[in-house]
PDB file of all heavy atoms in Angstrom:
ATOM      1  N   ALA A   1      -9.684  -4.991  -3.872  1.00  0.00           N
ATOM      2  CA  ALA A   1     -10.716  -5.959  -3.424  1.00  0.00           C
ATOM      3  C   ALA A   1     -12.132  -5.405  -3.422  1.00  0.00           C
ATOM      4  O   ALA A   1     -12.322  -4.184  -3.247  1.00  0.00           O
ATOM      5  CB  ALA A   1     -10.348  -6.625  -2.106  1.00  0.00           C
ATOM      6  N   LYS A   2     -13.102  -6.226  -3.662  1.00  0.00           N
ATOM      7  CA  LYS A   2     -14.569  -5.770  -3.561  1.00  0.00           C
ATOM      8  C   LYS A   2     -14.967  -5.433  -2.088  1.00  0.00           C
ATOM      9  O   LYS A   2     -15.679  -4.523  -1.932  1.00  0.00           O
ATOM     10  CB  LYS A   2     -15.423  -6.870  -4.153  1.00  0.00           C
ATOM     11  CG  LYS A   2     -15.303  -6.894  -5.703  1.00  0.00           C
ATOM     12  CD  LYS A   2     -16.361  -7.888  -6.242  1.00  0.00           C
ATOM     13  CE  LYS A   2     -16.265  -7.960  -7.766  1.00  0.00           C
ATOM     14  NZ  LYS A   2     -17.191  -8.927  -8.322  1.00  0.00           N
ATOM     15  N   GLY A   3     -14.573  -6.220  -1.144  1.00  0.00           N
ATOM     16  CA  GLY A   3     -15.053  -6.045   0.221  1.00  0.00           C
ATOM     17  C   GLY A   3     -14.274  -4.831   0.858  1.00  0.00           C
ATOM     18  O   GLY A   3     -13.038  -4.839   0.800  1.00  0.00           O
ATOM     19  N   PHE A   4     -14.970  -3.967   1.511  1.00  0.00           N
ATOM     20  CA  PHE A   4     -14.338  -2.802   2.111  1.00  0.00           C
ATOM     21  C   PHE A   4     -13.317  -3.161   3.221  1.00  0.00           C
ATOM     22  O   PHE A   4     -12.264  -2.530   3.371  1.00  0.00           O
ATOM     23  CB  PHE A   4     -15.380  -1.809   2.553  1.00  0.00           C
ATOM     24  CG  PHE A   4     -16.009  -2.027   3.921  1.00  0.00           C
ATOM     25  CD1 PHE A   4     -15.384  -1.554   5.139  1.00  0.00           C
ATOM     26  CD2 PHE A   4     -17.036  -2.912   4.082  1.00  0.00           C
ATOM     27  CE1 PHE A   4     -15.878  -1.815   6.374  1.00  0.00           C
ATOM     28  CE2 PHE A   4     -17.592  -3.137   5.328  1.00  0.00           C
ATOM     29  CZ  PHE A   4     -17.000  -2.626   6.516  1.00  0.00           C
ATOM     30  N   GLU A   5     -13.625  -4.234   3.942  1.00  0.00           N
ATOM     31  CA  GLU A   5     -12.665  -4.610   5.065  1.00  0.00           C
ATOM     32  C   GLU A   5     -11.364  -5.119   4.473  1.00  0.00           C
ATOM     33  O   GLU A   5     -10.324  -4.873   5.016  1.00  0.00           O
ATOM     34  CB  GLU A   5     -13.333  -5.666   5.884  1.00  0.00           C
ATOM     35  CG  GLU A   5     -14.417  -5.132   6.783  1.00  0.00           C
ATOM     36  CD  GLU A   5     -15.183  -6.227   7.557  1.00  0.00           C
ATOM     37  OE1 GLU A   5     -15.160  -7.400   7.124  1.00  0.00           O
ATOM     38  OE2 GLU A   5     -15.776  -5.888   8.599  1.00  0.00           O
ATOM     39  N   THR A   6     -11.457  -5.817   3.289  1.00  0.00           N
ATOM     40  CA  THR A   6     -10.221  -6.265   2.694  1.00  0.00           C
ATOM     41  C   THR A   6      -9.445  -5.143   2.093  1.00  0.00           C
ATOM     42  O   THR A   6      -8.183  -5.076   2.160  1.00  0.00           O
ATOM     43  CB  THR A   6     -10.684  -7.211   1.459  1.00  0.00           C
ATOM     44  OG1 THR A   6     -11.470  -8.279   1.976  1.00  0.00           O
ATOM     45  CG2 THR A   6      -9.351  -7.962   0.937  1.00  0.00           C
ATOM     46  N   ARG A   7     -10.166  -4.137   1.563  1.00  0.00           N
ATOM     47  CA  ARG A   7      -9.439  -2.956   1.085  1.00  0.00           C
ATOM     48  C   ARG A   7      -8.698  -2.205   2.300  1.00  0.00           C
ATOM     49  O   ARG A   7      -7.612  -1.688   2.130  1.00  0.00           O
ATOM     50  CB  ARG A   7     -10.436  -1.949   0.401  1.00  0.00           C
ATOM     51  CG  ARG A   7     -11.004  -2.473  -0.801  1.00  0.00           C
ATOM     52  CD  ARG A   7     -11.633  -1.380  -1.737  1.00  0.00           C
ATOM     53  NE  ARG A   7     -12.700  -0.603  -1.208  1.00  0.00           N
ATOM     54  CZ  ARG A   7     -13.939  -0.937  -1.099  1.00  0.00           C
ATOM     55  NH1 ARG A   7     -14.360  -2.159  -1.653  1.00  0.00           N
ATOM     56  NH2 ARG A   7     -14.836  -0.195  -0.559  1.00  0.00           N
ATOM     57  N   MET A   8      -9.378  -2.220   3.375  1.00  0.00           N
ATOM     58  CA  MET A   8      -8.726  -1.659   4.638  1.00  0.00           C
ATOM     59  C   MET A   8      -7.433  -2.423   4.988  1.00  0.00           C
ATOM     60  O   MET A   8      -6.464  -1.858   5.456  1.00  0.00           O
ATOM     61  CB  MET A   8      -9.757  -1.587   5.775  1.00  0.00           C
ATOM     62  CG  MET A   8     -10.807  -0.564   5.597  1.00  0.00           C
ATOM     63  SD  MET A   8     -12.140  -0.619   6.871  1.00  0.00           S
ATOM     64  CE  MET A   8     -11.249   0.265   8.203  1.00  0.00           C
ATOM     65  N   GLU A   9      -7.465  -3.781   4.790  1.00  0.00           N
ATOM     66  CA  GLU A   9      -6.348  -4.573   5.075  1.00  0.00           C
ATOM     67  C   GLU A   9      -5.161  -4.117   4.076  1.00  0.00           C
ATOM     68  O   GLU A   9      -4.026  -4.069   4.505  1.00  0.00           O
ATOM     69  CB  GLU A   9      -6.559  -6.051   4.742  1.00  0.00           C
ATOM     70  CG  GLU A   9      -7.383  -6.748   5.843  1.00  0.00           C
ATOM     71  CD  GLU A   9      -7.586  -8.201   5.417  1.00  0.00           C
ATOM     72  OE1 GLU A   9      -6.701  -8.840   4.873  1.00  0.00           O
ATOM     73  OE2 GLU A   9      -8.701  -8.759   5.674  1.00  0.00           O
ATOM     74  N   GLY A  10      -5.544  -3.773   2.865  1.00  0.00           N
ATOM     75  CA  GLY A  10      -4.566  -3.272   1.909  1.00  0.00           C
ATOM     76  C   GLY A  10      -3.921  -1.928   2.349  1.00  0.00           C
ATOM     77  O   GLY A  10      -2.681  -1.730   2.225  1.00  0.00           O
ATOM     78  N   VAL A  11      -4.758  -1.054   2.909  1.00  0.00           N
ATOM     79  CA  VAL A  11      -4.270   0.257   3.386  1.00  0.00           C
ATOM     80  C   VAL A  11      -3.301  -0.067   4.520  1.00  0.00           C
ATOM     81  O   VAL A  11      -2.259   0.602   4.599  1.00  0.00           O
ATOM     82  CB  VAL A  11      -5.462   1.133   3.781  1.00  0.00           C
ATOM     83  CG1 VAL A  11      -4.858   2.389   4.465  1.00  0.00           C
ATOM     84  CG2 VAL A  11      -6.268   1.459   2.568  1.00  0.00           C
ATOM     85  N   ALA A  12      -3.680  -0.955   5.388  1.00  0.00           N
ATOM     86  CA  ALA A  12      -2.857  -1.244   6.590  1.00  0.00           C
ATOM     87  C   ALA A  12      -1.529  -1.927   6.123  1.00  0.00           C
ATOM     88  O   ALA A  12      -0.427  -1.596   6.694  1.00  0.00           O
ATOM     89  CB  ALA A  12      -3.462  -2.233   7.536  1.00  0.00           C
ATOM     90  N   LEU A  13      -1.601  -2.745   5.077  1.00  0.00           N
ATOM     91  CA  LEU A  13      -0.400  -3.421   4.558  1.00  0.00           C
ATOM     92  C   LEU A  13       0.635  -2.307   4.003  1.00  0.00           C
ATOM     93  O   LEU A  13       1.796  -2.460   4.101  1.00  0.00           O
ATOM     94  CB  LEU A  13      -0.732  -4.432   3.506  1.00  0.00           C
ATOM     95  CG  LEU A  13       0.473  -5.104   2.760  1.00  0.00           C
ATOM     96  CD1 LEU A  13       1.326  -5.846   3.782  1.00  0.00           C
ATOM     97  CD2 LEU A  13      -0.046  -6.105   1.720  1.00  0.00           C
ATOM     98  N   LEU A  14       0.043  -1.325   3.316  1.00  0.00           N
ATOM     99  CA  LEU A  14       0.875  -0.317   2.719  1.00  0.00           C
ATOM    100  C   LEU A  14       1.691   0.443   3.877  1.00  0.00           C
ATOM    101  O   LEU A  14       2.880   0.654   3.696  1.00  0.00           O
ATOM    102  CB  LEU A  14       0.037   0.663   1.992  1.00  0.00           C
ATOM    103  CG  LEU A  14       0.843   1.913   1.337  1.00  0.00           C
ATOM    104  CD1 LEU A  14       1.955   1.525   0.558  1.00  0.00           C
ATOM    105  CD2 LEU A  14      -0.057   2.878   0.619  1.00  0.00           C
ATOM    106  N   LEU A  15       1.005   0.761   4.932  1.00  0.00           N
ATOM    107  CA  LEU A  15       1.682   1.414   6.044  1.00  0.00           C
ATOM    108  C   LEU A  15       2.793   0.542   6.600  1.00  0.00           C
ATOM    109  O   LEU A  15       3.883   0.934   6.912  1.00  0.00           O
ATOM    110  CB  LEU A  15       0.684   1.750   7.116  1.00  0.00           C
ATOM    111  CG  LEU A  15       1.203   2.482   8.384  1.00  0.00           C
ATOM    112  CD1 LEU A  15       1.953   3.764   7.997  1.00  0.00           C
ATOM    113  CD2 LEU A  15       0.191   2.822   9.380  1.00  0.00           C
ATOM    114  N   ASP A  16       2.485  -0.815   6.719  1.00  0.00           N
ATOM    115  CA  ASP A  16       3.383  -1.724   7.269  1.00  0.00           C
ATOM    116  C   ASP A  16       4.617  -1.846   6.314  1.00  0.00           C
ATOM    117  O   ASP A  16       5.768  -1.910   6.856  1.00  0.00           O
ATOM    118  CB  ASP A  16       2.761  -3.168   7.344  1.00  0.00           C
ATOM    119  CG  ASP A  16       3.600  -4.156   8.141  1.00  0.00           C
ATOM    120  OD1 ASP A  16       4.046  -3.775   9.213  1.00  0.00           O
ATOM    121  OD2 ASP A  16       3.825  -5.203   7.590  1.00  0.00           O
ATOM    122  N   LEU A  17       4.355  -1.804   5.019  1.00  0.00           N
ATOM    123  CA  LEU A  17       5.534  -1.879   4.119  1.00  0.00           C
ATOM    124  C   LEU A  17       6.385  -0.624   4.161  1.00  0.00           C
ATOM    125  O   LEU A  17       7.570  -0.694   4.041  1.00  0.00           O
ATOM    126  CB  LEU A  17       5.020  -2.073   2.678  1.00  0.00           C
ATOM    127  CG  LEU A  17       4.487  -3.502   2.248  1.00  0.00           C
ATOM    128  CD1 LEU A  17       3.816  -3.403   0.877  1.00  0.00           C
ATOM    129  CD2 LEU A  17       5.647  -4.439   2.229  1.00  0.00           C
ATOM    130  N   CYS A  18       5.748   0.557   4.336  1.00  0.00           N
ATOM    131  CA  CYS A  18       6.444   1.800   4.513  1.00  0.00           C
ATOM    132  C   CYS A  18       7.391   1.779   5.711  1.00  0.00           C
ATOM    133  O   CYS A  18       8.488   2.300   5.627  1.00  0.00           O
ATOM    134  CB  CYS A  18       5.507   2.980   4.652  1.00  0.00           C
ATOM    135  SG  CYS A  18       4.864   3.569   3.100  1.00  0.00           S
ATOM    136  N   LYS A  19       6.927   1.172   6.746  1.00  0.00           N
ATOM    137  CA  LYS A  19       7.629   1.073   7.971  1.00  0.00           C
ATOM    138  C   LYS A  19       8.865   0.130   7.833  1.00  0.00           C
ATOM    139  O   LYS A  19       9.945   0.340   8.375  1.00  0.00           O
ATOM    140  CB  LYS A  19       6.836   0.703   9.254  1.00  0.00           C
ATOM    141  CG  LYS A  19       5.845   1.843   9.616  1.00  0.00           C
ATOM    142  CD  LYS A  19       4.906   1.437  10.761  1.00  0.00           C
ATOM    143  CE  LYS A  19       3.997   2.570  11.250  1.00  0.00           C
ATOM    144  NZ  LYS A  19       3.092   2.134  12.218  1.00  0.00           N
ATOM    145  N   LYS A  20       8.548  -1.027   7.309  1.00  0.00           N
ATOM    146  CA  LYS A  20       9.618  -2.107   7.154  1.00  0.00           C
ATOM    147  C   LYS A  20      10.459  -2.012   5.989  1.00  0.00           C
ATOM    148  O   LYS A  20      11.611  -2.321   5.916  1.00  0.00           O
ATOM    149  CB  LYS A  20       8.916  -3.497   7.211  1.00  0.00           C
ATOM    150  CG  LYS A  20       8.213  -3.791   8.531  1.00  0.00           C
ATOM    151  CD  LYS A  20       7.495  -5.110   8.478  1.00  0.00           C
ATOM    152  CE  LYS A  20       6.754  -5.438   9.801  1.00  0.00           C
ATOM    153  NZ  LYS A  20       5.927  -6.695   9.721  1.00  0.00           N
ATOM    154  N   SER A  21       9.887  -1.533   4.842  1.00  0.00           N
ATOM    155  CA  SER A  21      10.671  -1.465   3.577  1.00  0.00           C
ATOM    156  C   SER A  21      10.471  -0.167   2.887  1.00  0.00           C
ATOM    157  O   SER A  21       9.941  -0.138   1.801  1.00  0.00           O
ATOM    158  CB  SER A  21      10.291  -2.660   2.614  1.00  0.00           C
ATOM    159  OG  SER A  21      10.359  -3.902   3.311  1.00  0.00           O
ATOM    160  N   PRO A  22      10.812   0.961   3.490  1.00  0.00           N
ATOM    161  CA  PRO A  22      10.546   2.226   2.837  1.00  0.00           C
ATOM    162  C   PRO A  22      11.078   2.423   1.476  1.00  0.00           C
ATOM    163  O   PRO A  22      10.667   3.067   0.579  1.00  0.00           O
ATOM    164  CB  PRO A  22      11.154   3.280   3.875  1.00  0.00           C
ATOM    165  CG  PRO A  22      12.072   2.495   4.731  1.00  0.00           C
ATOM    166  CD  PRO A  22      11.511   1.117   4.745  1.00  0.00           C
ATOM    167  N   LYS A  23      12.305   1.794   1.294  1.00  0.00           N
ATOM    168  CA  LYS A  23      12.973   1.909  -0.072  1.00  0.00           C
ATOM    169  C   LYS A  23      12.114   1.224  -1.126  1.00  0.00           C
ATOM    170  O   LYS A  23      12.058   1.682  -2.229  1.00  0.00           O
ATOM    171  CB  LYS A  23      14.421   1.296   0.034  1.00  0.00           C
ATOM    172  CG  LYS A  23      15.285   1.658  -1.191  1.00  0.00           C
ATOM    173  CD  LYS A  23      16.621   1.149  -0.989  1.00  0.00           C
ATOM    174  CE  LYS A  23      17.441   2.074  -0.032  1.00  0.00           C
ATOM    175  NZ  LYS A  23      18.939   1.788   0.047  1.00  0.00           N
ATOM    176  N   LEU A  24      11.553   0.142  -0.787  1.00  0.00           N
ATOM    177  CA  LEU A  24      10.743  -0.635  -1.702  1.00  0.00           C
ATOM    178  C   LEU A  24       9.574   0.229  -2.134  1.00  0.00           C
ATOM    179  O   LEU A  24       9.159   0.342  -3.311  1.00  0.00           O
ATOM    180  CB  LEU A  24      10.203  -1.932  -1.094  1.00  0.00           C
ATOM    181  CG  LEU A  24       9.103  -2.797  -1.862  1.00  0.00           C
ATOM    182  CD1 LEU A  24       9.739  -3.328  -3.192  1.00  0.00           C
ATOM    183  CD2 LEU A  24       8.630  -3.849  -1.037  1.00  0.00           C
ATOM    184  N   VAL A  25       8.842   0.771  -1.117  1.00  0.00           N
ATOM    185  CA  VAL A  25       7.733   1.653  -1.476  1.00  0.00           C
ATOM    186  C   VAL A  25       8.131   2.940  -2.266  1.00  0.00           C
ATOM    187  O   VAL A  25       7.495   3.262  -3.225  1.00  0.00           O
ATOM    188  CB  VAL A  25       7.067   2.112  -0.144  1.00  0.00           C
ATOM    189  CG1 VAL A  25       5.810   3.037  -0.433  1.00  0.00           C
ATOM    190  CG2 VAL A  25       6.520   0.840   0.563  1.00  0.00           C
ATOM    191  N   ALA A  26       9.210   3.495  -1.876  1.00  0.00           N
ATOM    192  CA  ALA A  26       9.733   4.735  -2.536  1.00  0.00           C
ATOM    193  C   ALA A  26       9.988   4.430  -4.032  1.00  0.00           C
ATOM    194  O   ALA A  26       9.726   5.241  -5.018  1.00  0.00           O
ATOM    195  CB  ALA A  26      10.958   5.252  -1.794  1.00  0.00           C
ATOM    196  N   THR A  27      10.677   3.289  -4.286  1.00  0.00           N
ATOM    197  CA  THR A  27      11.066   2.899  -5.670  1.00  0.00           C
ATOM    198  C   THR A  27       9.843   2.726  -6.539  1.00  0.00           C
ATOM    199  O   THR A  27       9.861   2.918  -7.730  1.00  0.00           O
ATOM    200  CB  THR A  27      11.916   1.658  -5.629  1.00  0.00           C
ATOM    201  OG1 THR A  27      12.997   1.886  -4.708  1.00  0.00           O
ATOM    202  CG2 THR A  27      12.411   1.249  -7.082  1.00  0.00           C
ATOM    203  N   ASN A  28       8.750   2.218  -5.915  1.00  0.00           N
ATOM    204  CA  ASN A  28       7.566   1.863  -6.667  1.00  0.00           C
ATOM    205  C   ASN A  28       6.337   2.756  -6.378  1.00  0.00           C
ATOM    206  O   ASN A  28       5.179   2.414  -6.540  1.00  0.00           O
ATOM    207  CB  ASN A  28       7.105   0.395  -6.352  1.00  0.00           C
ATOM    208  CG  ASN A  28       8.118  -0.659  -6.771  1.00  0.00           C
ATOM    209  OD1 ASN A  28       8.214  -1.017  -7.869  1.00  0.00           O
ATOM    210  ND2 ASN A  28       8.960  -1.093  -5.805  1.00  0.00           N
ATOM    211  N   ILE A  29       6.629   3.956  -5.834  1.00  0.00           N
ATOM    212  CA  ILE A  29       5.616   4.856  -5.366  1.00  0.00           C
ATOM    213  C   ILE A  29       4.596   5.245  -6.439  1.00  0.00           C
ATOM    214  O   ILE A  29       3.398   5.365  -6.149  1.00  0.00           O
ATOM    215  CB  ILE A  29       6.194   6.159  -4.764  1.00  0.00           C
ATOM    216  CG1 ILE A  29       5.113   7.004  -4.000  1.00  0.00           C
ATOM    217  CG2 ILE A  29       6.871   6.960  -5.863  1.00  0.00           C
ATOM    218  CD1 ILE A  29       4.571   6.244  -2.786  1.00  0.00           C
ATOM    219  N   VAL A  30       5.006   5.399  -7.631  1.00  0.00           N
ATOM    220  CA  VAL A  30       4.039   5.823  -8.737  1.00  0.00           C
ATOM    221  C   VAL A  30       2.998   4.698  -8.971  1.00  0.00           C
ATOM    222  O   VAL A  30       1.777   4.918  -8.994  1.00  0.00           O
ATOM    223  CB  VAL A  30       4.791   6.173 -10.029  1.00  0.00           C
ATOM    224  CG1 VAL A  30       3.752   6.458 -11.095  1.00  0.00           C
ATOM    225  CG2 VAL A  30       5.655   7.411  -9.856  1.00  0.00           C
ATOM    226  N   GLN A  31       3.453   3.451  -9.149  1.00  0.00           N
ATOM    227  CA  GLN A  31       2.536   2.345  -9.359  1.00  0.00           C
ATOM    228  C   GLN A  31       1.705   2.107  -8.125  1.00  0.00           C
ATOM    229  O   GLN A  31       0.470   1.854  -8.302  1.00  0.00           O
ATOM    230  CB  GLN A  31       3.381   1.058  -9.757  1.00  0.00           C
ATOM    231  CG  GLN A  31       2.443  -0.038 -10.235  1.00  0.00           C
ATOM    232  CD  GLN A  31       3.241  -1.221 -10.749  1.00  0.00           C
ATOM    233  OE1 GLN A  31       4.472  -1.188 -10.753  1.00  0.00           O
ATOM    234  NE2 GLN A  31       2.510  -2.321 -11.091  1.00  0.00           N
ATOM    235  N   ILE A  32       2.312   2.172  -6.924  1.00  0.00           N
ATOM    236  CA  ILE A  32       1.462   1.986  -5.730  1.00  0.00           C
ATOM    237  C   ILE A  32       0.442   3.001  -5.607  1.00  0.00           C
ATOM    238  O   ILE A  32      -0.769   2.650  -5.289  1.00  0.00           O
ATOM    239  CB  ILE A  32       2.419   2.001  -4.522  1.00  0.00           C
ATOM    240  CG1 ILE A  32       3.336   0.848  -4.447  1.00  0.00           C
ATOM    241  CG2 ILE A  32       1.665   2.170  -3.173  1.00  0.00           C
ATOM    242  CD1 ILE A  32       4.466   0.861  -3.371  1.00  0.00           C
ATOM    243  N   PHE A  33       0.702   4.245  -5.958  1.00  0.00           N
ATOM    244  CA  PHE A  33      -0.332   5.283  -5.844  1.00  0.00           C
ATOM    245  C   PHE A  33      -1.456   5.131  -6.747  1.00  0.00           C
ATOM    246  O   PHE A  33      -2.562   5.529  -6.595  1.00  0.00           O
ATOM    247  CB  PHE A  33       0.335   6.622  -6.047  1.00  0.00           C
ATOM    248  CG  PHE A  33      -0.034   7.644  -4.913  1.00  0.00           C
ATOM    249  CD1 PHE A  33       0.585   7.463  -3.650  1.00  0.00           C
ATOM    250  CD2 PHE A  33      -0.938   8.572  -5.105  1.00  0.00           C
ATOM    251  CE1 PHE A  33       0.299   8.343  -2.643  1.00  0.00           C
ATOM    252  CE2 PHE A  33      -1.328   9.489  -4.082  1.00  0.00           C
ATOM    253  CZ  PHE A  33      -0.629   9.277  -2.805  1.00  0.00           C
ATOM    254  N   ASP A  34      -1.209   4.543  -7.990  1.00  0.00           N
ATOM    255  CA  ASP A  34      -2.235   4.157  -8.946  1.00  0.00           C
ATOM    256  C   ASP A  34      -3.357   3.408  -8.223  1.00  0.00           C
ATOM    257  O   ASP A  34      -4.593   3.617  -8.522  1.00  0.00           O
ATOM    258  CB  ASP A  34      -1.706   3.290 -10.098  1.00  0.00           C
ATOM    259  CG  ASP A  34      -0.909   4.077 -11.055  1.00  0.00           C
ATOM    260  OD1 ASP A  34      -1.008   5.369 -11.017  1.00  0.00           O
ATOM    261  OD2 ASP A  34      -0.134   3.484 -11.813  1.00  0.00           O
ATOM    262  N   TYR A  35      -3.028   2.511  -7.318  1.00  0.00           N
ATOM    263  CA  TYR A  35      -4.016   1.761  -6.569  1.00  0.00           C
ATOM    264  C   TYR A  35      -4.503   2.498  -5.317  1.00  0.00           C
ATOM    265  O   TYR A  35      -5.655   2.538  -4.994  1.00  0.00           O
ATOM    266  CB  TYR A  35      -3.365   0.424  -6.135  1.00  0.00           C
ATOM    267  CG  TYR A  35      -3.098  -0.518  -7.357  1.00  0.00           C
ATOM    268  CD1 TYR A  35      -1.874  -0.414  -7.937  1.00  0.00           C
ATOM    269  CD2 TYR A  35      -3.998  -1.447  -7.813  1.00  0.00           C
ATOM    270  CE1 TYR A  35      -1.537  -1.212  -9.064  1.00  0.00           C
ATOM    271  CE2 TYR A  35      -3.745  -2.333  -8.830  1.00  0.00           C
ATOM    272  CZ  TYR A  35      -2.517  -2.211  -9.493  1.00  0.00           C
ATOM    273  OH  TYR A  35      -2.166  -2.986 -10.522  1.00  0.00           O
ATOM    274  N   PHE A  36      -3.544   3.043  -4.574  1.00  0.00           N
ATOM    275  CA  PHE A  36      -3.803   3.670  -3.266  1.00  0.00           C
ATOM    276  C   PHE A  36      -4.771   4.900  -3.489  1.00  0.00           C
ATOM    277  O   PHE A  36      -5.616   5.095  -2.613  1.00  0.00           O
ATOM    278  CB  PHE A  36      -2.540   4.039  -2.578  1.00  0.00           C
ATOM    279  CG  PHE A  36      -2.724   4.642  -1.200  1.00  0.00           C
ATOM    280  CD1 PHE A  36      -3.345   3.959  -0.188  1.00  0.00           C
ATOM    281  CD2 PHE A  36      -2.285   5.951  -0.946  1.00  0.00           C
ATOM    282  CE1 PHE A  36      -3.559   4.604   1.030  1.00  0.00           C
ATOM    283  CE2 PHE A  36      -2.514   6.601   0.292  1.00  0.00           C
ATOM    284  CZ  PHE A  36      -3.240   5.839   1.311  1.00  0.00           C
ATOM    285  N   VAL A  37      -4.564   5.678  -4.521  1.00  0.00           N
ATOM    286  CA  VAL A  37      -5.295   6.995  -4.610  1.00  0.00           C
ATOM    287  C   VAL A  37      -6.849   6.621  -4.723  1.00  0.00           C
ATOM    288  O   VAL A  37      -7.673   7.444  -4.283  1.00  0.00           O
ATOM    289  CB  VAL A  37      -4.793   7.773  -5.829  1.00  0.00           C
ATOM    290  CG1 VAL A  37      -5.328   7.200  -7.150  1.00  0.00           C
ATOM    291  CG2 VAL A  37      -5.278   9.276  -5.697  1.00  0.00           C
TER     292      VAL A  37
END
Protein backbone atom coordinates (compact mmCIF):
# COMPACT_ATOMS: atom_id res chain seq x y z
CA ALA A 1 0.00 0.00 0.00
CA LYS A 2 0.98 3.62 -0.56
CA GLY A 3 0.02 4.82 2.92
CA PHE A 4 2.56 3.98 5.61
CA GLU A 5 -0.16 3.23 8.18
CA THR A 6 -1.70 0.69 5.81
CA ARG A 7 1.70 -0.92 5.29
CA MET A 8 1.97 -1.18 9.08
CA GLU A 9 -1.38 -2.98 9.08
CA GLY A 10 0.16 -5.46 6.65
CA VAL A 11 3.12 -6.04 8.97
CA ALA A 12 0.70 -6.60 11.88
CA LEU A 13 -1.36 -9.00 9.75
CA LEU A 14 1.74 -11.07 8.95
CA LEU A 15 2.48 -11.51 12.66
CA ASP A 16 -1.16 -12.45 13.26
CA LEU A 17 -1.02 -15.06 10.48
CA CYS A 18 2.20 -16.47 11.92
CA LYS A 19 0.55 -16.94 15.28
CA LYS A 20 -2.73 -18.37 13.96
CA SER A 21 -1.58 -20.21 10.81
CA PRO A 22 2.18 -20.83 11.04
CA LYS A 23 1.96 -23.66 8.51
CA LEU A 24 0.36 -21.35 5.93
CA VAL A 25 3.14 -18.77 6.35
CA ALA A 26 5.86 -21.42 6.33
CA THR A 27 4.54 -22.96 3.11
CA ASN A 28 4.45 -19.56 1.39
CA ILE A 29 7.47 -17.95 3.09
CA VAL A 30 9.42 -17.20 -0.12
CA GLN A 31 6.55 -15.33 -1.78
CA ILE A 32 5.60 -13.60 1.48
CA PHE A 33 9.18 -12.40 1.92
CA ASP A 34 9.14 -10.89 -1.57
CA TYR A 35 6.69 -8.35 -0.14
CA PHE A 36 7.80 -8.24 3.48
CA VAL A 37 11.50 -7.58 2.82
